[in-house]
Amino acid sequence: MECVLGLTAAGSARGRGLGGALLGVVAETARSKGARLVRRDVIDGNPRARALCQRKGFRAVVDEPLGPLAFVFGFRSATRMELELWDRPGSPRRRREAAVRSQTRGGQARYGPARNRFRKALD
């Protein structure tokens, strides 16, 4: 299943978290429908959209130049960004979780004293 999604916000609505909330809803809906991936194309003239997608876990896959059509559309390229929704071994989510688990200080995980006491009680 594939869905094309275009997002835009009025100037007065920008910076209020609406885009991030909408991306979250899109990801959860896609996950509930069994999708493994959400793809979004971000044009080169919109660095805020690219930064938002990166904060939400999307990764840049490829930069696609428009070539001679750039004059028609008003931008030179679009970056394809993807968010993996499933937890296959080696997925970005699993790598991030493994990195967090491996960060230790003096044998204690870096989650704070309450979490460390809880973990010791379970051992």
PDB file of N, CA and C in Angstrom:
ATOM      1  N   MET A   1       0.851  -1.169   0.000  1.00  0.00           N
ATOM      2  CA  MET A   1       0.000   0.000   0.000  1.00  0.00           C
ATOM      3  C   MET A   1       0.898   1.234   0.000  1.00  0.00           C
ATOM      4  N   GLU A   2       0.549   2.198  -0.815  1.00  0.00           N
ATOM      5  CA  GLU A   2       1.324   3.426  -0.887  1.00  0.00           C
ATOM      6  C   GLU A   2       0.369   4.606  -0.819  1.00  0.00           C
ATOM      7  N   CYS A   3       0.807   5.621  -0.124  1.00  0.00           N
ATOM      8  CA  CYS A   3       0.001   6.828   0.035  1.00  0.00           C
ATOM      9  C   CYS A   3       0.889   8.030  -0.224  1.00  0.00           C
ATOM     10  N   VAL A   4       0.383   8.986  -0.949  1.00  0.00           N
ATOM     11  CA  VAL A   4       1.117  10.216  -1.207  1.00  0.00           C
ATOM     12  C   VAL A   4       0.589  11.263  -0.247  1.00  0.00           C
ATOM     13  N   LEU A   5       1.515  11.916   0.441  1.00  0.00           N
ATOM     14  CA  LEU A   5       1.127  12.884   1.453  1.00  0.00           C
ATOM     15  C   LEU A   5       1.840  14.196   1.204  1.00  0.00           C
ATOM     16  N   GLY A   6       1.081  15.259   1.131  1.00  0.00           N
ATOM     17  CA  GLY A   6       1.652  16.590   1.034  1.00  0.00           C
ATOM     18  C   GLY A   6       1.252  17.376   2.272  1.00  0.00           C
ATOM     19  N   LEU A   7       2.218  18.022   2.897  1.00  0.00           N
ATOM     20  CA  LEU A   7       1.941  18.804   4.097  1.00  0.00           C
ATOM     21  C   LEU A   7       2.296  20.261   3.848  1.00  0.00           C
ATOM     22  N   THR A   8       1.452  21.127   4.320  1.00  0.00           N
ATOM     23  CA  THR A   8       1.770  22.546   4.291  1.00  0.00           C
ATOM     24  C   THR A   8       1.031  23.221   5.445  1.00  0.00           C
ATOM     25  N   ALA A   9       1.588  24.295   5.923  1.00  0.00           N
ATOM     26  CA  ALA A   9       0.961  25.030   7.016  1.00  0.00           C
ATOM     27  C   ALA A   9       0.972  26.509   6.677  1.00  0.00           C
ATOM     28  N   ALA A  10      -0.087  27.192   7.063  1.00  0.00           N
ATOM     29  CA  ALA A  10      -0.143  28.641   6.891  1.00  0.00           C
ATOM     30  C   ALA A  10       0.972  29.266   7.728  1.00  0.00           C
ATOM     31  N   GLY A  11       1.473  30.397   7.279  1.00  0.00           N
ATOM     32  CA  GLY A  11       2.556  31.068   7.983  1.00  0.00           C
ATOM     33  C   GLY A  11       2.272  31.291   9.454  1.00  0.00           C
ATOM     34  N   SER A  12       1.040  31.627   9.794  1.00  0.00           N
ATOM     35  CA  SER A  12       0.691  31.890  11.190  1.00  0.00           C
ATOM     36  C   SER A  12       0.648  30.614  12.030  1.00  0.00           C
ATOM     37  N   ALA A  13       0.560  29.445  11.399  1.00  0.00           N
ATOM     38  CA  ALA A  13       0.465  28.177  12.130  1.00  0.00           C
ATOM     39  C   ALA A  13       1.817  27.484  12.269  1.00  0.00           C
ATOM     40  N   ARG A  14       2.838  28.004  11.622  1.00  0.00           N
ATOM     41  CA  ARG A  14       4.141  27.346  11.660  1.00  0.00           C
ATOM     42  C   ARG A  14       4.784  27.463  13.040  1.00  0.00           C
ATOM     43  N   GLY A  15       5.522  26.421  13.409  1.00  0.00           N
ATOM     44  CA  GLY A  15       6.242  26.423  14.678  1.00  0.00           C
ATOM     45  C   GLY A  15       5.398  26.059  15.875  1.00  0.00           C
ATOM     46  N   ARG A  16       4.204  25.538  15.663  1.00  0.00           N
ATOM     47  CA  ARG A  16       3.312  25.187  16.767  1.00  0.00           C
ATOM     48  C   ARG A  16       3.192  23.678  16.990  1.00  0.00           C
ATOM     49  N   GLY A  17       3.949  22.885  16.241  1.00  0.00           N
ATOM     50  CA  GLY A  17       3.928  21.444  16.445  1.00  0.00           C
ATOM     51  C   GLY A  17       2.899  20.687  15.632  1.00  0.00           C
ATOM     52  N   LEU A  18       2.205  21.379  14.739  1.00  0.00           N
ATOM     53  CA  LEU A  18       1.163  20.709  13.954  1.00  0.00           C
ATOM     54  C   LEU A  18       1.746  19.685  12.985  1.00  0.00           C
ATOM     55  N   GLY A  19       2.828  20.043  12.319  1.00  0.00           N
ATOM     56  CA  GLY A  19       3.450  19.115  11.364  1.00  0.00           C
ATOM     57  C   GLY A  19       3.958  17.865  12.048  1.00  0.00           C
ATOM     58  N   GLY A  20       4.594  18.033  13.200  1.00  0.00           N
ATOM     59  CA  GLY A  20       5.084  16.882  13.950  1.00  0.00           C
ATOM     60  C   GLY A  20       3.964  15.985  14.422  1.00  0.00           C
ATOM     61  N   ALA A  21       2.878  16.601  14.885  1.00  0.00           N
ATOM     62  CA  ALA A  21       1.725  15.813  15.326  1.00  0.00           C
ATOM     63  C   ALA A  21       1.117  15.045  14.156  1.00  0.00           C
ATOM     64  N   LEU A  22       1.030  15.698  13.012  1.00  0.00           N
ATOM     65  CA  LEU A  22       0.462  15.039  11.837  1.00  0.00           C
ATOM     66  C   LEU A  22       1.352  13.890  11.365  1.00  0.00           C
ATOM     67  N   LEU A  23       2.663  14.089  11.368  1.00  0.00           N
ATOM     68  CA  LEU A  23       3.568  12.997  10.995  1.00  0.00           C
ATOM     69  C   LEU A  23       3.429  11.824  11.960  1.00  0.00           C
ATOM     70  N   GLY A  24       3.236  12.099  13.226  1.00  0.00           N
ATOM     71  CA  GLY A  24       3.028  11.034  14.208  1.00  0.00           C
ATOM     72  C   GLY A  24       1.765  10.245  13.934  1.00  0.00           C
ATOM     73  N   VAL A  25       0.689  10.944  13.600  1.00  0.00           N
ATOM     74  CA  VAL A  25      -0.577  10.275  13.283  1.00  0.00           C
ATOM     75  C   VAL A  25      -0.435   9.439  12.014  1.00  0.00           C
ATOM     76  N   VAL A  26       0.243   9.986  11.017  1.00  0.00           N
ATOM     77  CA  VAL A  26       0.463   9.250   9.767  1.00  0.00           C
ATOM     78  C   VAL A  26       1.245   7.964  10.048  1.00  0.00           C
ATOM     79  N   ALA A  27       2.300   8.053  10.847  1.00  0.00           N
ATOM     80  CA  ALA A  27       3.115   6.875  11.156  1.00  0.00           C
ATOM     81  C   ALA A  27       2.301   5.830  11.907  1.00  0.00           C
ATOM     82  N   GLU A  28       1.542   6.243  12.906  1.00  0.00           N
ATOM     83  CA  GLU A  28       0.739   5.291  13.674  1.00  0.00           C
ATOM     84  C   GLU A  28      -0.346   4.650  12.814  1.00  0.00           C
ATOM     85  N   THR A  29      -0.985   5.433  11.955  1.00  0.00           N
ATOM     86  CA  THR A  29      -2.015   4.888  11.068  1.00  0.00           C
ATOM     87  C   THR A  29      -1.402   3.888  10.098  1.00  0.00           C
ATOM     88  N   ALA A  30      -0.265   4.247   9.522  1.00  0.00           N
ATOM     89  CA  ALA A  30       0.408   3.338   8.586  1.00  0.00           C
ATOM     90  C   ALA A  30       0.817   2.049   9.290  1.00  0.00           C
ATOM     91  N   ARG A  31       1.331   2.161  10.503  1.00  0.00           N
ATOM     92  CA  ARG A  31       1.736   0.978  11.271  1.00  0.00           C
ATOM     93  C   ARG A  31       0.528   0.090  11.551  1.00  0.00           C
ATOM     94  N   SER A  32      -0.591   0.688  11.922  1.00  0.00           N
ATOM     95  CA  SER A  32      -1.799  -0.101  12.224  1.00  0.00           C
ATOM     96  C   SER A  32      -2.359  -0.789  10.983  1.00  0.00           C
ATOM     97  N   LYS A  33      -2.063  -0.247   9.805  1.00  0.00           N
ATOM     98  CA  LYS A  33      -2.518  -0.852   8.546  1.00  0.00           C
ATOM     99  C   LYS A  33      -1.531  -1.887   8.018  1.00  0.00           C
ATOM    100  N   GLY A  34      -0.426  -2.090   8.744  1.00  0.00           N
ATOM    101  CA  GLY A  34       0.545  -3.092   8.348  1.00  0.00           C
ATOM    102  C   GLY A  34       1.657  -2.584   7.452  1.00  0.00           C
ATOM    103  N   ALA A  35       1.753  -1.275   7.285  1.00  0.00           N
ATOM    104  CA  ALA A  35       2.826  -0.724   6.454  1.00  0.00           C
ATOM    105  C   ALA A  35       4.165  -0.891   7.160  1.00  0.00           C
ATOM    106  N   ARG A  36       5.212  -1.033   6.384  1.00  0.00           N
ATOM    107  CA  ARG A  36       6.551  -1.170   6.940  1.00  0.00           C
ATOM    108  C   ARG A  36       7.368   0.105   6.797  1.00  0.00           C
ATOM    109  N   LEU A  37       6.860   1.049   6.010  1.00  0.00           N
ATOM    110  CA  LEU A  37       7.651   2.220   5.674  1.00  0.00           C
ATOM    111  C   LEU A  37       6.736   3.398   5.373  1.00  0.00           C
ATOM    112  N   VAL A  38       7.137   4.583   5.819  1.00  0.00           N
ATOM    113  CA  VAL A  38       6.488   5.831   5.410  1.00  0.00           C
ATOM    114  C   VAL A  38       7.537   6.612   4.641  1.00  0.00           C
ATOM    115  N   ARG A  39       7.159   7.087   3.477  1.00  0.00           N
ATOM    116  CA  ARG A  39       8.083   7.839   2.631  1.00  0.00           C
ATOM    117  C   ARG A  39       7.556   9.259   2.463  1.00  0.00           C
ATOM    118  N   ARG A  40       8.467  10.210   2.490  1.00  0.00           N
ATOM    119  CA  ARG A  40       8.098  11.614   2.292  1.00  0.00           C
ATOM    120  C   ARG A  40       9.176  12.275   1.458  1.00  0.00           C
ATOM    121  N   ASP A  41       8.777  13.056   0.478  1.00  0.00           N
ATOM    122  CA  ASP A  41       9.715  13.819  -0.338  1.00  0.00           C
ATOM    123  C   ASP A  41       9.716  15.259   0.153  1.00  0.00           C
ATOM    124  N   VAL A  42      10.900  15.785   0.390  1.00  0.00           N
ATOM    125  CA  VAL A  42      11.054  17.154   0.886  1.00  0.00           C
ATOM    126  C   VAL A  42      11.847  17.939  -0.145  1.00  0.00           C
ATOM    127  N   ILE A  43      11.298  19.081  -0.571  1.00  0.00           N
ATOM    128  CA  ILE A  43      11.980  19.872  -1.595  1.00  0.00           C
ATOM    129  C   ILE A  43      13.179  20.612  -1.007  1.00  0.00           C
ATOM    130  N   ASP A  44      14.128  20.924  -1.857  1.00  0.00           N
ATOM    131  CA  ASP A  44      15.381  21.539  -1.410  1.00  0.00           C
ATOM    132  C   ASP A  44      15.198  22.906  -0.776  1.00  0.00           C
ATOM    133  N   GLY A  45      14.137  23.590  -1.072  1.00  0.00           N
ATOM    134  CA  GLY A  45      13.909  24.923  -0.522  1.00  0.00           C
ATOM    135  C   GLY A  45      13.199  24.921   0.821  1.00  0.00           C
ATOM    136  N   ASN A  46      13.081  23.759   1.471  1.00  0.00           N
ATOM    137  CA  ASN A  46      12.349  23.678   2.729  1.00  0.00           C
ATOM    138  C   ASN A  46      13.175  22.952   3.808  1.00  0.00           C
ATOM    139  N   PRO A  47      14.211  23.611   4.325  1.00  0.00           N
ATOM    140  CA  PRO A  47      15.047  22.955   5.332  1.00  0.00           C
ATOM    141  C   PRO A  47      14.314  22.673   6.640  1.00  0.00           C
ATOM    142  N   ARG A  48      13.286  23.445   6.956  1.00  0.00           N
ATOM    143  CA  ARG A  48      12.528  23.197   8.192  1.00  0.00           C
ATOM    144  C   ARG A  48      11.774  21.875   8.113  1.00  0.00           C
ATOM    145  N   ALA A  49      11.224  21.572   6.937  1.00  0.00           N
ATOM    146  CA  ALA A  49      10.516  20.302   6.769  1.00  0.00           C
ATOM    147  C   ALA A  49      11.486  19.132   6.882  1.00  0.00           C
ATOM    148  N   ARG A  50      12.659  19.295   6.306  1.00  0.00           N
ATOM    149  CA  ARG A  50      13.669  18.228   6.395  1.00  0.00           C
ATOM    150  C   ARG A  50      14.085  18.013   7.854  1.00  0.00           C
ATOM    151  N   ALA A  51      14.316  19.089   8.584  1.00  0.00           N
ATOM    152  CA  ALA A  51      14.705  18.981   9.992  1.00  0.00           C
ATOM    153  C   ALA A  51      13.600  18.318  10.815  1.00  0.00           C
ATOM    154  N   LEU A  52      12.341  18.653  10.539  1.00  0.00           N
ATOM    155  CA  LEU A  52      11.215  18.038  11.241  1.00  0.00           C
ATOM    156  C   LEU A  52      11.196  16.530  10.997  1.00  0.00           C
ATOM    157  N   CYS A  53      11.342  16.142   9.746  1.00  0.00           N
ATOM    158  CA  CYS A  53      11.333  14.711   9.423  1.00  0.00           C
ATOM    159  C   CYS A  53      12.472  13.993  10.127  1.00  0.00           C
ATOM    160  N   GLN A  54      13.646  14.589  10.170  1.00  0.00           N
ATOM    161  CA  GLN A  54      14.778  13.962  10.845  1.00  0.00           C
ATOM    162  C   GLN A  54      14.515  13.826  12.346  1.00  0.00           C
ATOM    163  N   ARG A  55      13.899  14.835  12.951  1.00  0.00           N
ATOM    164  CA  ARG A  55      13.557  14.743  14.379  1.00  0.00           C
ATOM    165  C   ARG A  55      12.558  13.628  14.639  1.00  0.00           C
ATOM    166  N   LYS A  56      11.698  13.346  13.682  1.00  0.00           N
ATOM    167  CA  LYS A  56      10.681  12.305  13.825  1.00  0.00           C
ATOM    168  C   LYS A  56      11.186  10.926  13.424  1.00  0.00           C
ATOM    169  N   GLY A  57      12.468  10.815  13.091  1.00  0.00           N
ATOM    170  CA  GLY A  57      13.048   9.514  12.807  1.00  0.00           C
ATOM    171  C   GLY A  57      13.207   9.169  11.336  1.00  0.00           C
ATOM    172  N   PHE A  58      12.818  10.058  10.448  1.00  0.00           N
ATOM    173  CA  PHE A  58      13.002   9.818   9.016  1.00  0.00           C
ATOM    174  C   PHE A  58      14.490   9.938   8.689  1.00  0.00           C
ATOM    175  N   ARG A  59      14.938   9.188   7.698  1.00  0.00           N
ATOM    176  CA  ARG A  59      16.316   9.310   7.239  1.00  0.00           C
ATOM    177  C   ARG A  59      16.307   9.651   5.755  1.00  0.00           C
ATOM    178  N   ALA A  60      17.252  10.476   5.350  1.00  0.00           N
ATOM    179  CA  ALA A  60      17.379  10.849   3.943  1.00  0.00           C
ATOM    180  C   ALA A  60      17.925   9.652   3.181  1.00  0.00           C
ATOM    181  N   VAL A  61      17.253   9.298   2.082  1.00  0.00           N
ATOM    182  CA  VAL A  61      17.639   8.132   1.304  1.00  0.00           C
ATOM    183  C   VAL A  61      18.357   8.555   0.029  1.00  0.00           C
ATOM    184  N   VAL A  62      17.755   9.461  -0.711  1.00  0.00           N
ATOM    185  CA  VAL A  62      18.354   9.877  -1.982  1.00  0.00           C
ATOM    186  C   VAL A  62      17.882  11.293  -2.318  1.00  0.00           C
ATOM    187  N   ASP A  63      18.758  12.037  -2.954  1.00  0.00           N
ATOM    188  CA  ASP A  63      18.435  13.368  -3.447  1.00  0.00           C
ATOM    189  C   ASP A  63      18.126  13.229  -4.934  1.00  0.00           C
ATOM    190  N   GLU A  64      16.923  13.607  -5.340  1.00  0.00           N
ATOM    191  CA  GLU A  64      16.482  13.419  -6.717  1.00  0.00           C
ATOM    192  C   GLU A  64      16.391  14.770  -7.428  1.00  0.00           C
ATOM    193  N   PRO A  65      17.335  15.088  -8.301  1.00  0.00           N
ATOM    194  CA  PRO A  65      17.286  16.362  -9.035  1.00  0.00           C
ATOM    195  C   PRO A  65      16.176  16.340 -10.079  1.00  0.00           C
ATOM    196  N   LEU A  66      15.589  17.493 -10.311  1.00  0.00           N
ATOM    197  CA  LEU A  66      14.509  17.591 -11.296  1.00  0.00           C
ATOM    198  C   LEU A  66      15.009  17.883 -12.699  1.00  0.00           C
ATOM    199  N   GLY A  67      16.253  18.290 -12.800  1.00  0.00           N
ATOM    200  CA  GLY A  67      16.804  18.590 -14.125  1.00  0.00           C
ATOM    201  C   GLY A  67      16.079  19.763 -14.774  1.00  0.00           C
ATOM    202  N   PRO A  68      15.687  19.618 -16.045  1.00  0.00           N
ATOM    203  CA  PRO A  68      15.055  20.735 -16.756  1.00  0.00           C
ATOM    204  C   PRO A  68      13.677  21.113 -16.214  1.00  0.00           C
ATOM    205  N   LEU A  69      13.054  20.228 -15.430  1.00  0.00           N
ATOM    206  CA  LEU A  69      11.738  20.548 -14.866  1.00  0.00           C
ATOM    207  C   LEU A  69      11.821  21.490 -13.662  1.00  0.00           C
ATOM    208  N   ALA A  70      13.025  21.759 -13.185  1.00  0.00           N
ATOM    209  CA  ALA A  70      13.193  22.653 -12.040  1.00  0.00           C
ATOM    210  C   ALA A  70      12.578  24.022 -12.322  1.00  0.00           C
ATOM    211  N   PHE A  71      12.702  24.484 -13.528  1.00  0.00           N
ATOM    212  CA  PHE A  71      12.134  25.784 -13.898  1.00  0.00           C
ATOM    213  C   PHE A  71      10.610  25.770 -13.768  1.00  0.00           C
ATOM    214  N   VAL A  72       9.992  24.681 -14.125  1.00  0.00           N
ATOM    215  CA  VAL A  72       8.526  24.566 -14.074  1.00  0.00           C
ATOM    216  C   VAL A  72       8.030  24.505 -12.633  1.00  0.00           C
ATOM    217  N   PHE A  73       8.683  23.689 -11.796  1.00  0.00           N
ATOM    218  CA  PHE A  73       8.196  23.471 -10.435  1.00  0.00           C
ATOM    219  C   PHE A  73       8.716  24.478  -9.418  1.00  0.00           C
ATOM    220  N   GLY A  74       9.805  25.163  -9.718  1.00  0.00           N
ATOM    221  CA  GLY A  74      10.312  26.176  -8.805  1.00  0.00           C
ATOM    222  C   GLY A  74      11.273  25.660  -7.749  1.00  0.00           C
ATOM    223  N   PHE A  75      11.723  24.430  -7.848  1.00  0.00           N
ATOM    224  CA  PHE A  75      12.756  23.910  -6.964  1.00  0.00           C
ATOM    225  C   PHE A  75      13.625  22.942  -7.756  1.00  0.00           C
ATOM    226  N   ARG A  76      14.880  22.792  -7.320  1.00  0.00           N
ATOM    227  CA  ARG A  76      15.861  22.014  -8.094  1.00  0.00           C
ATOM    228  C   ARG A  76      15.844  20.524  -7.798  1.00  0.00           C
ATOM    229  N   SER A  77      15.550  20.148  -6.542  1.00  0.00           N
ATOM    230  CA  SER A  77      15.604  18.734  -6.188  1.00  0.00           C
ATOM    231  C   SER A  77      14.675  18.444  -5.021  1.00  0.00           C
ATOM    232  N   ALA A  78      14.431  17.167  -4.824  1.00  0.00           N
ATOM    233  CA  ALA A  78      13.657  16.708  -3.670  1.00  0.00           C
ATOM    234  C   ALA A  78      14.422  15.566  -3.012  1.00  0.00           C
ATOM    235  N   THR A  79      14.409  15.550  -1.701  1.00  0.00           N
ATOM    236  CA  THR A  79      15.063  14.485  -0.951  1.00  0.00           C
ATOM    237  C   THR A  79      14.015  13.476  -0.517  1.00  0.00           C
ATOM    238  N   ARG A  80      14.228  12.221  -0.889  1.00  0.00           N
ATOM    239  CA  ARG A  80      13.323  11.163  -0.439  1.00  0.00           C
ATOM    240  C   ARG A  80      13.733  10.791   0.981  1.00  0.00           C
ATOM    241  N   MET A  81      12.775  10.855   1.896  1.00  0.00           N
ATOM    242  CA  MET A  81      13.021  10.525   3.295  1.00  0.00           C
ATOM    243  C   MET A  81      12.100   9.376   3.681  1.00  0.00           C
ATOM    244  N   GLU A  82      12.630   8.444   4.466  1.00  0.00           N
ATOM    245  CA  GLU A  82      11.866   7.264   4.834  1.00  0.00           C
ATOM    246  C   GLU A  82      11.916   7.026   6.337  1.00  0.00           C
ATOM    247  N   LEU A  83      10.805   6.528   6.847  1.00  0.00           N
ATOM    248  CA  LEU A  83      10.683   6.140   8.250  1.00  0.00           C
ATOM    249  C   LEU A  83      10.322   4.668   8.284  1.00  0.00           C
ATOM    250  N   GLU A  84      11.207   3.843   8.863  1.00  0.00           N
ATOM    251  CA  GLU A  84      10.923   2.413   8.992  1.00  0.00           C
ATOM    252  C   GLU A  84       9.979   2.203  10.165  1.00  0.00           C
ATOM    253  N   LEU A  85       8.941   1.398   9.937  1.00  0.00           N
ATOM    254  CA  LEU A  85       7.931   1.163  10.961  1.00  0.00           C
ATOM    255  C   LEU A  85       8.039  -0.204  11.612  1.00  0.00           C
ATOM    256  N   TRP A  86       8.855  -1.074  11.110  1.00  0.00           N
ATOM    257  CA  TRP A  86       8.961  -2.413  11.670  1.00  0.00           C
ATOM    258  C   TRP A  86      10.351  -2.611  12.242  1.00  0.00           C
ATOM    259  N   ASP A  87      10.459  -3.536  13.131  1.00  0.00           N
ATOM    260  CA  ASP A  87      11.689  -3.729  13.901  1.00  0.00           C
ATOM    261  C   ASP A  87      12.485  -4.930  13.400  1.00  0.00           C
ATOM    262  N   ARG A  88      12.976  -4.857  12.197  1.00  0.00           N
ATOM    263  CA  ARG A  88      13.839  -5.942  11.719  1.00  0.00           C
ATOM    264  C   ARG A  88      15.206  -5.793  12.370  1.00  0.00           C
ATOM    265  N   PRO A  89      15.949  -6.889  12.502  1.00  0.00           N
ATOM    266  CA  PRO A  89      17.297  -6.782  13.077  1.00  0.00           C
ATOM    267  C   PRO A  89      18.143  -5.802  12.272  1.00  0.00           C
ATOM    268  N   GLY A  90      18.826  -4.914  12.957  1.00  0.00           N
ATOM    269  CA  GLY A  90      19.671  -3.927  12.296  1.00  0.00           C
ATOM    270  C   GLY A  90      18.933  -2.685  11.833  1.00  0.00           C
ATOM    271  N   SER A  91      17.629  -2.586  12.142  1.00  0.00           N
ATOM    272  CA  SER A  91      16.887  -1.399  11.746  1.00  0.00           C
ATOM    273  C   SER A  91      17.400  -0.200  12.541  1.00  0.00           C
ATOM    274  N   PRO A  92      17.196   1.025  12.036  1.00  0.00           N
ATOM    275  CA  PRO A  92      17.674   2.206  12.768  1.00  0.00           C
ATOM    276  C   PRO A  92      17.157   2.272  14.202  1.00  0.00           C
ATOM    277  N   ARG A  93      15.917   1.868  14.416  1.00  0.00           N
ATOM    278  CA  ARG A  93      15.360   1.913  15.761  1.00  0.00           C
ATOM    279  C   ARG A  93      16.107   0.950  16.681  1.00  0.00           C
ATOM    280  N   ARG A  94      16.348  -0.258  16.203  1.00  0.00           N
ATOM    281  CA  ARG A  94      17.071  -1.219  17.030  1.00  0.00           C
ATOM    282  C   ARG A  94      18.502  -0.780  17.276  1.00  0.00           C
ATOM    283  N   ARG A  95      19.138  -0.160  16.290  1.00  0.00           N
ATOM    284  CA  ARG A  95      20.502   0.327  16.487  1.00  0.00           C
ATOM    285  C   ARG A  95      20.526   1.432  17.532  1.00  0.00           C
ATOM    286  N   ARG A  96      19.535   2.345  17.501  1.00  0.00           N
ATOM    287  CA  ARG A  96      19.478   3.416  18.501  1.00  0.00           C
ATOM    288  C   ARG A  96      19.286   2.830  19.899  1.00  0.00           C
ATOM    289  N   GLU A  97      18.368   1.850  20.021  1.00  0.00           N
ATOM    290  CA  GLU A  97      18.127   1.243  21.326  1.00  0.00           C
ATOM    291  C   GLU A  97      19.381   0.542  21.841  1.00  0.00           C
ATOM    292  N   ALA A  98      20.092  -0.150  20.963  1.00  0.00           N
ATOM    293  CA  ALA A  98      21.321  -0.826  21.368  1.00  0.00           C
ATOM    294  C   ALA A  98      22.375   0.179  21.800  1.00  0.00           C
ATOM    295  N   ALA A  99      22.447   1.315  21.115  1.00  0.00           N
ATOM    296  CA  ALA A  99      23.421   2.353  21.474  1.00  0.00           C
ATOM    297  C   ALA A  99      23.105   2.919  22.853  1.00  0.00           C
ATOM    298  N   VAL A 100      21.834   3.126  23.146  1.00  0.00           N
ATOM    299  CA  VAL A 100      21.446   3.649  24.454  1.00  0.00           C
ATOM    300  C   VAL A 100      21.788   2.636  25.539  1.00  0.00           C
ATOM    301  N   ARG A 101      21.509   1.354  25.283  1.00  0.00           N
ATOM    302  CA  ARG A 101      21.816   0.314  26.281  1.00  0.00           C
ATOM    303  C   ARG A 101      23.316   0.200  26.525  1.00  0.00           C
ATOM    304  N   SER A 102      24.108   0.437  25.479  1.00  0.00           N
ATOM    305  CA  SER A 102      25.555   0.260  25.627  1.00  0.00           C
ATOM    306  C   SER A 102      26.228   1.445  26.318  1.00  0.00           C
ATOM    307  N   GLN A 103      25.526   2.559  26.432  1.00  0.00           N
ATOM    308  CA  GLN A 103      26.116   3.723  27.096  1.00  0.00           C
ATOM    309  C   GLN A 103      26.022   3.525  28.606  1.00  0.00           C
ATOM    310  N   THR A 104      27.139   3.246  29.200  1.00  0.00           N
ATOM    311  CA  THR A 104      27.137   3.035  30.643  1.00  0.00           C
ATOM    312  C   THR A 104      28.167   3.943  31.289  1.00  0.00           C
ATOM    313  N   ARG A 105      27.948   4.215  32.538  1.00  0.00           N
ATOM    314  CA  ARG A 105      28.879   5.022  33.320  1.00  0.00           C
ATOM    315  C   ARG A 105      29.134   4.263  34.621  1.00  0.00           C
ATOM    316  N   GLY A 106      30.317   3.725  34.774  1.00  0.00           N
ATOM    317  CA  GLY A 106      30.642   2.978  35.988  1.00  0.00           C
ATOM    318  C   GLY A 106      29.783   1.738  36.162  1.00  0.00           C
ATOM    319  N   GLY A 107      29.382   1.112  35.062  1.00  0.00           N
ATOM    320  CA  GLY A 107      28.570  -0.091  35.150  1.00  0.00           C
ATOM    321  C   GLY A 107      27.087   0.189  35.309  1.00  0.00           C
ATOM    322  N   GLN A 108      26.710   1.450  35.431  1.00  0.00           N
ATOM    323  CA  GLN A 108      25.307   1.804  35.600  1.00  0.00           C
ATOM    324  C   GLN A 108      24.798   2.437  34.313  1.00  0.00           C
ATOM    325  N   ALA A 109      23.609   2.067  33.911  1.00  0.00           N
ATOM    326  CA  ALA A 109      23.013   2.670  32.721  1.00  0.00           C
ATOM    327  C   ALA A 109      22.757   4.139  32.986  1.00  0.00           C
ATOM    328  N   ARG A 110      22.747   4.947  31.943  1.00  0.00           N
ATOM    329  CA  ARG A 110      22.607   6.396  32.087  1.00  0.00           C
ATOM    330  C   ARG A 110      21.143   6.820  32.120  1.00  0.00           C
ATOM    331  N   TYR A 111      20.328   6.138  32.896  1.00  0.00           N
ATOM    332  CA  TYR A 111      18.913   6.465  32.948  1.00  0.00           C
ATOM    333  C   TYR A 111      18.528   7.199  34.219  1.00  0.00           C
ATOM    334  N   GLY A 112      19.461   7.419  35.112  1.00  0.00           N
ATOM    335  CA  GLY A 112      19.151   8.106  36.355  1.00  0.00           C
ATOM    336  C   GLY A 112      19.083   7.135  37.517  1.00  0.00           C
ATOM    337  N   PRO A 113      19.176   7.657  38.735  1.00  0.00           N
ATOM    338  CA  PRO A 113      19.266   6.797  39.911  1.00  0.00           C
ATOM    339  C   PRO A 113      18.028   5.939  40.146  1.00  0.00           C
ATOM    340  N   ALA A 114      16.842   6.468  39.918  1.00  0.00           N
ATOM    341  CA  ALA A 114      15.625   5.687  40.169  1.00  0.00           C
ATOM    342  C   ALA A 114      15.567   4.471  39.251  1.00  0.00           C
ATOM    343  N   ARG A 115      15.862   4.663  38.005  1.00  0.00           N
ATOM    344  CA  ARG A 115      15.831   3.556  37.050  1.00  0.00           C
ATOM    345  C   ARG A 115      16.920   2.550  37.390  1.00  0.00           C
ATOM    346  N   ASN A 116      18.088   3.019  37.815  1.00  0.00           N
ATOM    347  CA  ASN A 116      19.176   2.110  38.177  1.00  0.00           C
ATOM    348  C   ASN A 116      18.812   1.260  39.396  1.00  0.00           C
ATOM    349  N   ARG A 117      18.144   1.867  40.392  1.00  0.00           N
ATOM    350  CA  ARG A 117      17.710   1.103  41.567  1.00  0.00           C
ATOM    351  C   ARG A 117      16.699   0.044  41.164  1.00  0.00           C
ATOM    352  N   PHE A 118      15.790   0.396  40.266  1.00  0.00           N
ATOM    353  CA  PHE A 118      14.797  -0.545  39.774  1.00  0.00           C
ATOM    354  C   PHE A 118      15.459  -1.719  39.068  1.00  0.00           C
ATOM    355  N   ARG A 119      16.446  -1.406  38.227  1.00  0.00           N
ATOM    356  CA  ARG A 119      17.149  -2.458  37.488  1.00  0.00           C
ATOM    357  C   ARG A 119      17.898  -3.384  38.446  1.00  0.00           C
ATOM    358  N   LYS A 120      18.514  -2.821  39.505  1.00  0.00           N
ATOM    359  CA  LYS A 120      19.226  -3.652  40.486  1.00  0.00           C
ATOM    360  C   LYS A 120      18.257  -4.562  41.224  1.00  0.00           C
ATOM    361  N   ALA A 121      17.065  -4.077  41.531  1.00  0.00           N
ATOM    362  CA  ALA A 121      16.078  -4.877  42.238  1.00  0.00           C
ATOM    363  C   ALA A 121      15.643  -6.070  41.389  1.00  0.00           C
ATOM    364  N   LEU A 122      15.656  -5.911  40.087  1.00  0.00           N
ATOM    365  CA  LEU A 122      15.251  -7.002  39.206  1.00  0.00           C
ATOM    366  C   LEU A 122      16.342  -8.038  39.030  1.00  0.00           C
ATOM    367  N   ASP A 123      17.596  -7.635  39.229  1.00  0.00           N
ATOM    368  CA  ASP A 123      18.722  -8.574  39.032  1.00  0.00           C
ATOM    369  C   ASP A 123      18.838  -9.585  40.133  1.00  0.00           C
TER     370      ASP A 123
END
